[in-house]
Amino acid sequence: MDLSVSSTEQGAVTVVHVAGEIDVYTAPLLREVLDKQVAAGRTNLVVDLEKVTFMDSTGLGVLVGRLKLVRGQNGSLRIVTAQERILKVFKITGLDKVFHIYPSIDEAVADADPANPV
């Protein structure tokens, strides 16, 4: 299956919607989209993984790398997923302690908006 990546703006937060499989073949597309957002100054990111059917360590590597990138610019990268199989990947690797993971886009956006600090 291919990977589909699109983005929308919600105030100061960019929501990146991802659908499909994130693996060694498709992860470069996700990296490219996220890097373009950061290069454009959009450093408060919410990555919506609700429609992701599979994610391997390459996908995790992209997310970790982008998290470091936005944190270096006083930004944030938050994850949205309620899917048990995707959450399991974060839990097994311990990355559920590194990323802020939310069950809905609305909750992640509310928490990520710098105009509404937590």
Protein backbone atom coordinates (compact mmCIF):
# COMPACT_ATOMS: atom_id res chain seq x y z
CA MET A 1 0.00 0.00 0.00
CA ASP A 2 1.13 3.54 -0.70
CA LEU A 3 1.41 6.43 1.70
CA SER A 4 -0.73 9.53 1.51
CA VAL A 5 0.36 12.69 3.34
CA SER A 6 -1.50 15.99 3.44
CA SER A 7 -1.61 18.92 5.82
CA THR A 8 -4.05 21.49 7.13
CA GLU A 9 -3.57 24.57 9.27
CA GLN A 10 -5.45 25.05 12.52
CA GLY A 11 -4.35 28.41 13.84
CA ALA A 12 -0.66 28.25 14.71
CA VAL A 13 -0.68 24.45 14.46
CA THR A 14 -0.06 22.39 11.33
CA VAL A 15 -1.85 19.04 11.25
CA VAL A 16 -0.16 16.48 9.01
CA HIS A 17 -2.59 13.71 8.02
CA VAL A 18 -0.94 10.39 7.18
CA ALA A 19 -2.68 7.36 5.67
CA GLY A 20 -1.29 3.99 4.59
CA GLU A 21 1.90 2.20 5.56
CA ILE A 22 5.00 3.94 6.89
CA ASP A 23 7.99 1.73 6.11
CA VAL A 24 11.47 1.90 4.61
CA TYR A 25 10.00 2.69 1.19
CA THR A 26 7.44 5.34 2.18
CA ALA A 27 9.12 7.00 5.17
CA PRO A 28 11.15 9.39 2.93
CA LEU A 29 7.86 10.95 1.74
CA LEU A 30 6.78 11.61 5.33
CA ARG A 31 10.22 13.02 6.15
CA GLU A 32 10.07 15.33 3.12
CA VAL A 33 6.60 16.69 3.99
CA LEU A 34 7.53 17.30 7.63
CA ASP A 35 10.84 18.92 6.66
CA LYS A 36 9.03 21.28 4.26
CA GLN A 37 6.68 22.33 7.05
CA VAL A 38 9.58 23.04 9.41
CA ALA A 39 11.51 24.89 6.68
CA ALA A 40 8.42 27.07 6.17
CA GLY A 41 8.48 27.97 9.86
CA ARG A 42 5.66 25.64 10.89
CA THR A 43 7.20 24.12 14.02
CA ASN A 44 4.06 23.27 16.00
CA LEU A 45 3.09 20.01 14.35
CA VAL A 46 0.42 17.43 15.01
CA VAL A 47 0.92 14.18 13.09
CA ASP A 48 -2.37 12.33 12.60
CA LEU A 49 -1.66 8.58 12.37
CA GLU A 50 -5.29 7.45 12.66
CA LYS A 51 -5.33 6.09 9.09
CA VAL A 52 -1.89 4.48 9.27
CA THR A 53 -2.19 0.72 8.92
CA PHE A 54 1.46 -0.15 9.58
CA MET A 55 4.56 1.61 10.89
CA ASP A 56 8.05 0.16 11.25
CA SER A 57 11.21 1.47 12.86
CA THR A 58 11.99 3.61 9.83
CA GLY A 59 8.77 5.55 10.41
CA LEU A 60 9.61 5.94 14.09
CA GLY A 61 13.04 7.22 13.11
CA VAL A 62 11.49 9.91 10.91
CA LEU A 63 9.21 11.03 13.75
CA VAL A 64 12.05 11.08 16.32
CA GLY A 65 14.26 13.06 13.95
CA ARG A 66 11.54 15.62 13.26
CA LEU A 67 10.77 15.88 16.99
CA LYS A 68 14.40 16.83 17.64
CA LEU A 69 14.28 19.30 14.76
CA VAL A 70 11.17 21.16 15.97
CA ARG A 71 12.27 21.12 19.61
CA GLY A 72 15.49 22.82 18.51
CA GLN A 73 13.29 25.63 17.22
CA ASN A 74 11.08 25.81 20.33
CA GLY A 75 8.33 23.89 18.55
CA SER A 76 6.45 20.69 19.26
CA LEU A 77 5.45 17.50 17.49
CA ARG A 78 2.43 15.65 18.84
CA ILE A 79 1.02 12.33 17.69
CA VAL A 80 -2.65 11.43 17.20
CA THR A 81 -3.68 7.78 17.23
CA ALA A 82 -6.05 5.60 19.17
CA GLN A 83 -5.11 2.51 17.16
CA GLU A 84 -3.79 -0.20 19.42
CA ARG A 85 -1.34 -1.61 16.83
CA ILE A 86 0.29 1.81 16.31
CA LEU A 87 0.29 2.63 20.03
CA LYS A 88 1.98 -0.72 20.64
CA VAL A 89 4.92 0.31 18.44
CA PHE A 90 5.40 3.42 20.59
CA LYS A 91 5.03 1.45 23.85
CA ILE A 92 7.42 -1.36 22.88
CA THR A 93 10.14 1.15 21.98
CA GLY A 94 9.51 3.37 24.99
CA LEU A 95 8.70 6.28 22.69
CA ASP A 96 5.30 6.66 24.34
CA LYS A 97 7.32 8.41 27.08
CA VAL A 98 8.99 10.73 24.53
CA PHE A 99 6.02 11.77 22.40
CA HIS A 100 2.79 13.36 23.54
CA ILE A 101 0.15 10.99 22.10
CA TYR A 102 -3.50 11.99 21.87
CA PRO A 103 -6.69 10.13 20.93
CA SER A 104 -8.04 13.03 18.82
CA ILE A 105 -6.79 15.86 16.62
CA ASP A 106 -8.80 18.41 18.61
CA GLU A 107 -7.07 17.47 21.87
CA ALA A 108 -3.62 17.51 20.29
CA VAL A 109 -4.21 20.87 18.58
CA ALA A 110 -5.56 22.45 21.77
CA ASP A 111 -2.45 21.27 23.63
CA ALA A 112 -0.02 22.32 20.87
CA ASP A 113 -1.35 25.83 20.23
CA PRO A 114 1.21 28.31 21.62
CA ALA A 115 -1.59 30.85 22.10
CA ASN A 116 -3.11 28.35 24.54
CA PRO A 117 -0.11 27.16 26.62
CA VAL A 118 -0.58 24.19 28.89
